[in-house]
C-alpha atoms as a PDB file:
ATOM      1  CA  MET A   1       0.000   0.000   0.000  1.00  0.00           C
ATOM      2  CA  ASN A   2       1.583   3.282  -1.067  1.00  0.00           C
ATOM      3  CA  GLN A   3       1.487   6.589   0.797  1.00  0.00           C
ATOM      4  CA  LYS A   4      -1.220   8.092  -1.439  1.00  0.00           C
ATOM      5  CA  THR A   5      -3.549   5.109  -0.864  1.00  0.00           C
ATOM      6  CA  LYS A   6      -3.024   5.332   2.913  1.00  0.00           C
ATOM      7  CA  SER A   7      -3.648   9.069   2.822  1.00  0.00           C
ATOM      8  CA  ASN A   8      -6.866   8.680   0.804  1.00  0.00           C
ATOM      9  CA  GLY A   9      -7.993   5.912   3.162  1.00  0.00           C
ATOM     10  CA  TRP A  10      -7.479   8.203   6.139  1.00  0.00           C
ATOM     11  CA  THR A  11      -9.246  11.057   4.339  1.00  0.00           C
ATOM     12  CA  PHE A  12     -12.208   8.735   3.724  1.00  0.00           C
ATOM     13  CA  VAL A  13     -12.346   7.780   7.429  1.00  0.00           C
ATOM     14  CA  LEU A  14     -12.276  11.464   8.422  1.00  0.00           C
ATOM     15  CA  PHE A  15     -14.993  12.197   5.843  1.00  0.00           C
ATOM     16  CA  ILE A  16     -17.241   9.476   7.301  1.00  0.00           C
ATOM     17  CA  VAL A  17     -16.733  10.835  10.845  1.00  0.00           C
ATOM     18  CA  TYR A  18     -17.516  14.324   9.545  1.00  0.00           C
ATOM     19  CA  LEU A  19     -20.743  13.080   7.889  1.00  0.00           C
ATOM     20  CA  ILE A  20     -21.806  11.290  11.088  1.00  0.00           C
ATOM     21  CA  VAL A  21     -21.253  14.434  13.166  1.00  0.00           C
ATOM     22  CA  LEU A  22     -22.958  16.604  10.527  1.00  0.00           C
ATOM     23  CA  THR A  23     -25.947  14.254  10.464  1.00  0.00           C
ATOM     24  CA  TRP A  24     -26.159  14.278  14.263  1.00  0.00           C
ATOM     25  CA  ILE A  25     -26.125  18.081  14.267  1.00  0.00           C
ATOM     26  CA  ILE A  26     -28.534  18.661  11.356  1.00  0.00           C
ATOM     27  CA  LEU A  27     -31.023  15.823  11.714  1.00  0.00           C
ATOM     28  CA  PHE A  28     -30.813  14.862  15.351  1.00  0.00           C
ATOM     29  CA  LYS A  29     -30.180  18.369  16.727  1.00  0.00           C
ATOM     30  CA  MET A  30     -27.334  16.974  18.878  1.00  0.00           C
ATOM     31  CA  GLU A  31     -29.794  14.923  20.956  1.00  0.00           C
ATOM     32  CA  THR A  32     -28.566  11.762  22.614  1.00  0.00           C
ATOM     33  CA  ASP A  33     -32.091  10.730  23.573  1.00  0.00           C
ATOM     34  CA  LEU A  34     -33.762  10.370  20.196  1.00  0.00           C
ATOM     35  CA  SER A  35     -37.177   9.953  21.840  1.00  0.00           C
ATOM     36  CA  LEU A  36     -37.031  13.690  22.578  1.00  0.00           C
ATOM     37  CA  LEU A  37     -37.127  14.335  18.824  1.00  0.00           C
ATOM     38  CA  SER A  38     -40.583  12.796  18.628  1.00  0.00           C
ATOM     39  CA  GLY A  39     -41.941  15.948  20.263  1.00  0.00           C
ATOM     40  CA  VAL A  40     -40.415  18.289  17.665  1.00  0.00           C
ATOM     41  CA  LYS A  41     -42.853  17.591  14.799  1.00  0.00           C
ATOM     42  CA  GLN A  42     -41.829  20.573  12.717  1.00  0.00           C
ATOM     43  CA  ARG A  43     -42.580  20.077   9.043  1.00  0.00           C
ATOM     44  CA  SER A  44     -42.344  23.082   6.765  1.00  0.00           C
ATOM     45  CA  ILE A  45     -40.745  24.034   3.471  1.00  0.00           C
ATOM     46  CA  ASN A  46     -39.518  27.462   2.455  1.00  0.00           C
ATOM     47  CA  PHE A  47     -38.809  27.953  -1.252  1.00  0.00           C
ATOM     48  CA  VAL A  48     -38.065  31.680  -0.976  1.00  0.00           C
ATOM     49  CA  PRO A  49     -34.340  32.316  -0.428  1.00  0.00           C
ATOM     50  CA  PHE A  50     -33.368  34.385   2.625  1.00  0.00           C
ATOM     51  CA  ALA A  51     -36.950  34.657   3.871  1.00  0.00           C
ATOM     52  CA  GLY A  52     -39.428  32.818   6.035  1.00  0.00           C
ATOM     53  CA  SER A  53     -37.747  30.676   8.661  1.00  0.00           C
ATOM     54  CA  LEU A  54     -34.582  32.771   8.609  1.00  0.00           C
ATOM     55  CA  ILE A  55     -36.370  35.975   9.611  1.00  0.00           C
ATOM     56  CA  VAL A  56     -35.959  36.543  13.332  1.00  0.00           C
ATOM     57  CA  ASN A  57     -37.362  39.751  14.858  1.00  0.00           C
ATOM     58  CA  GLY A  58     -37.742  41.245  11.385  1.00  0.00           C
ATOM     59  CA  ARG A  59     -34.114  40.573  10.416  1.00  0.00           C
ATOM     60  CA  ILE A  60     -32.358  37.855   8.465  1.00  0.00           C
ATOM     61  CA  ALA A  61     -30.527  35.470  10.816  1.00  0.00           C
ATOM     62  CA  VAL A  62     -27.102  35.913   9.223  1.00  0.00           C
ATOM     63  CA  SER A  63     -25.403  33.733  11.843  1.00  0.00           C
ATOM     64  CA  GLU A  64     -27.514  30.708  10.833  1.00  0.00           C
ATOM     65  CA  ILE A  65     -26.622  31.224   7.174  1.00  0.00           C
ATOM     66  CA  LEU A  66     -22.925  31.509   8.063  1.00  0.00           C
ATOM     67  CA  MET A  67     -23.117  28.343  10.183  1.00  0.00           C
ATOM     68  CA  ASN A  68     -24.591  26.467   7.201  1.00  0.00           C
ATOM     69  CA  VAL A  69     -21.804  27.739   4.966  1.00  0.00           C
ATOM     70  CA  LEU A  70     -19.083  26.857   7.495  1.00  0.00           C
ATOM     71  CA  ALA A  71     -20.579  23.420   8.154  1.00  0.00           C
ATOM     72  CA  PHE A  72     -20.115  22.431   4.509  1.00  0.00           C
ATOM     73  CA  VAL A  73     -16.618  23.856   3.900  1.00  0.00           C
ATOM     74  CA  PRO A  74     -15.014  20.580   5.065  1.00  0.00           C
ATOM     75  CA  PHE A  75     -17.371  18.700   2.717  1.00  0.00           C
ATOM     76  CA  GLY A  76     -15.895  20.540  -0.256  1.00  0.00           C
ATOM     77  CA  ILE A  77     -12.343  19.934   0.938  1.00  0.00           C
ATOM     78  CA  TYR A  78     -12.972  16.216   1.442  1.00  0.00           C
ATOM     79  CA  ILE A  79     -14.584  15.831  -1.991  1.00  0.00           C
ATOM     80  CA  ALA A  80     -11.688  17.695  -3.607  1.00  0.00           C
ATOM     81  CA  ILE A  81      -9.180  15.401  -1.884  1.00  0.00           C
ATOM     82  CA  LEU A  82     -11.084  12.192  -2.597  1.00  0.00           C
ATOM     83  CA  ARG A  83     -11.956  13.041  -6.210  1.00  0.00           C
ATOM     84  CA  PRO A  84      -9.026  15.126  -7.523  1.00  0.00           C
ATOM     85  CA  ARG A  85      -9.654  14.238 -11.185  1.00  0.00           C
ATOM     86  CA  TRP A  86     -13.300  15.345 -11.171  1.00  0.00           C
ATOM     87  CA  LYS A  87     -14.119  18.616 -12.873  1.00  0.00           C
ATOM     88  CA  PHE A  88     -15.158  21.448 -10.561  1.00  0.00           C
ATOM     89  CA  ILE A  89     -18.876  21.140 -11.300  1.00  0.00           C
ATOM     90  CA  TYR A  90     -18.830  17.394 -10.545  1.00  0.00           C
ATOM     91  CA  LYS A  91     -17.285  18.194  -7.159  1.00  0.00           C
ATOM     92  CA  VAL A  92     -20.148  20.608  -6.414  1.00  0.00           C
ATOM     93  CA  PHE A  93     -22.887  18.047  -7.163  1.00  0.00           C
ATOM     94  CA  PRO A  94     -22.273  15.925  -4.020  1.00  0.00           C
ATOM     95  CA  ALA A  95     -22.549  19.027  -1.796  1.00  0.00           C
ATOM     96  CA  VAL A  96     -25.861  19.937  -3.441  1.00  0.00           C
ATOM     97  CA  GLY A  97     -27.083  16.339  -3.243  1.00  0.00           C
ATOM     98  CA  VAL A  98     -26.178  15.775   0.402  1.00  0.00           C
ATOM     99  CA  SER A  99     -27.598  19.147   1.402  1.00  0.00           C
ATOM    100  CA  PHE A 100     -30.815  18.361  -0.463  1.00  0.00           C
ATOM    101  CA  LEU A 101     -30.934  14.959   1.242  1.00  0.00           C
ATOM    102  CA  TYR A 102     -30.627  16.590   4.680  1.00  0.00           C
ATOM    103  CA  GLU A 103     -33.420  19.050   3.857  1.00  0.00           C
ATOM    104  CA  LEU A 104     -35.612  16.231   2.550  1.00  0.00           C
ATOM    105  CA  LEU A 105     -34.958  14.067   5.617  1.00  0.00           C
ATOM    106  CA  GLN A 106     -35.738  16.983   7.937  1.00  0.00           C
ATOM    107  CA  TYR A 107     -39.100  17.269   6.215  1.00  0.00           C
ATOM    108  CA  ILE A 108     -39.832  13.532   6.163  1.00  0.00           C
ATOM    109  CA  LEU A 109     -38.794  13.040   9.794  1.00  0.00           C
ATOM    110  CA  ALA A 110     -40.448  16.341  10.842  1.00  0.00           C
ATOM    111  CA  VAL A 111     -37.332  17.418  12.739  1.00  0.00           C
ATOM    112  CA  GLY A 112     -36.795  20.841  11.235  1.00  0.00           C
ATOM    113  CA  ALA A 113     -37.706  23.328   8.579  1.00  0.00           C
ATOM    114  CA  SER A 114     -36.620  22.512   5.039  1.00  0.00           C
ATOM    115  CA  ASP A 115     -35.281  25.721   3.585  1.00  0.00           C
ATOM    116  CA  ILE A 116     -33.848  26.713   0.198  1.00  0.00           C
ATOM    117  CA  THR A 117     -31.530  29.128   2.017  1.00  0.00           C
ATOM    118  CA  ASP A 118     -29.943  26.178   3.826  1.00  0.00           C
ATOM    119  CA  LEU A 119     -29.418  24.451   0.481  1.00  0.00           C
ATOM    120  CA  ILE A 120     -27.804  27.604  -0.936  1.00  0.00           C
ATOM    121  CA  GLY A 121     -25.604  28.116   2.140  1.00  0.00           C
ATOM    122  CA  ASN A 122     -24.514  24.485   2.270  1.00  0.00           C
ATOM    123  CA  THR A 123     -23.686  24.480  -1.441  1.00  0.00           C
ATOM    124  CA  LEU A 124     -21.725  27.710  -1.059  1.00  0.00           C
ATOM    125  CA  GLY A 125     -19.792  26.111   1.802  1.00  0.00           C
ATOM    126  CA  GLY A 126     -18.946  23.139  -0.410  1.00  0.00           C
ATOM    127  CA  ILE A 127     -17.791  25.471  -3.186  1.00  0.00           C
ATOM    128  CA  ILE A 128     -15.624  27.424  -0.724  1.00  0.00           C
ATOM    129  CA  GLY A 129     -14.114  24.143   0.483  1.00  0.00           C
ATOM    130  CA  ILE A 130     -13.269  23.101  -3.080  1.00  0.00           C
ATOM    131  CA  GLY A 131     -11.700  26.529  -3.625  1.00  0.00           C
ATOM    132  CA  LEU A 132      -9.699  26.292  -0.401  1.00  0.00           C
ATOM    133  CA  PHE A 133      -8.353  22.926  -1.479  1.00  0.00           C
ATOM    134  CA  PHE A 134      -7.309  24.430  -4.814  1.00  0.00           C
ATOM    135  CA  ILE A 135      -5.528  27.304  -3.029  1.00  0.00           C
ATOM    136  CA  CYS A 136      -3.843  24.860  -0.624  1.00  0.00           C
ATOM    137  CA  SER A 137      -2.679  22.806  -3.612  1.00  0.00           C
ATOM    138  CA  ILE A 138      -0.954  25.879  -5.018  1.00  0.00           C
ATOM    139  CA  VAL A 139       0.516  27.067  -1.717  1.00  0.00           C
ATOM    140  CA  LEU A 140       1.447  23.703  -0.179  1.00  0.00           C
ATOM    141  CA  GLY A 141       2.264  21.771  -3.339  1.00  0.00           C
ATOM    142  CA  ARG A 142       2.535  18.002  -3.117  1.00  0.00           C
ATOM    143  CA  LYS A 143       2.172  17.992   0.690  1.00  0.00           C
ATOM    144  CA  ASN A 144      -1.278  19.595   0.624  1.00  0.00           C
ATOM    145  CA  VAL A 145      -3.248  16.371   1.250  1.00  0.00           C
ATOM    146  CA  LEU A 146      -0.926  15.315   4.078  1.00  0.00           C
ATOM    147  CA  ILE A 147      -1.137  18.729   5.757  1.00  0.00           C
ATOM    148  CA  LEU A 148      -4.914  18.946   5.266  1.00  0.00           C
ATOM    149  CA  ASN A 149      -5.325  15.439   6.705  1.00  0.00           C
ATOM    150  CA  ILE A 150      -3.279  16.407   9.758  1.00  0.00           C
ATOM    151  CA  LEU A 151      -5.388  19.550  10.241  1.00  0.00           C
ATOM    152  CA  ALA A 152      -8.604  17.572   9.647  1.00  0.00           C
ATOM    153  CA  THR A 153      -7.523  14.957  12.194  1.00  0.00           C
ATOM    154  CA  ILE A 154      -6.832  17.627  14.804  1.00  0.00           C
ATOM    155  CA  GLY A 155     -10.118  19.376  13.991  1.00  0.00           C
ATOM    156  CA  THR A 156     -12.069  16.109  14.095  1.00  0.00           C
ATOM    157  CA  VAL A 157     -10.618  15.144  17.471  1.00  0.00           C
ATOM    158  CA  LEU A 158     -11.383  18.603  18.898  1.00  0.00           C
ATOM    159  CA  VAL A 159     -14.957  18.625  17.532  1.00  0.00           C
ATOM    160  CA  VAL A 160     -15.672  15.102  18.796  1.00  0.00           C
ATOM    161  CA  LEU A 161     -14.227  15.982  22.228  1.00  0.00           C
ATOM    162  CA  PHE A 162     -16.251  19.203  22.346  1.00  0.00           C
ATOM    163  CA  LEU A 163     -19.472  17.447  21.340  1.00  0.00           C
ATOM    164  CA  GLY A 164     -18.724  14.663  23.826  1.00  0.00           C
ATOM    165  CA  LEU A 165     -18.308  17.307  26.527  1.00  0.00           C
ATOM    166  CA  LEU A 166     -21.646  18.847  25.567  1.00  0.00           C
ATOM    167  CA  VAL A 167     -23.309  15.441  25.852  1.00  0.00           C
ATOM    168  CA  VAL A 168     -21.770  14.803  29.268  1.00  0.00           C
ATOM    169  CA  VAL A 169     -22.616  18.265  30.626  1.00  0.00           C
ATOM    170  CA  ASN A 170     -26.189  18.115  29.405  1.00  0.00           C
END
């Protein structure tokens, strides 16, 4: 097994952990007792970008939009690492598809509002991640995947520890 295969294998493991955490945050609202979600029963769809569910006290909730964007930046980086030969647009499709899947599942499971703004923000985050990978490739050269995997490992450990702490405290 060569170094590139090991590196891609590790990237894939980190990507799976990221998707599990993302799913727990988006669909399960960071609940450890899933029976509590049965009381949520929120089923709505907003097709108007930057309106409806994102209006809080007459203002657009910019922080929620930014959180959606930031949540999908790693998605774009992981896709760019795992599928380096794909054209840019083909790297964007998985971000759109997974975001759409989350919105659809929120509606089906009645655990949140399905919102076009979330889809836009998540897709933008994926695009930013793909762009960051491209920039890192230029700046870091051949070591970019190794360095990004090290940073992703550190970030993953910190996020999992932080979320574990939240679970224990609550």
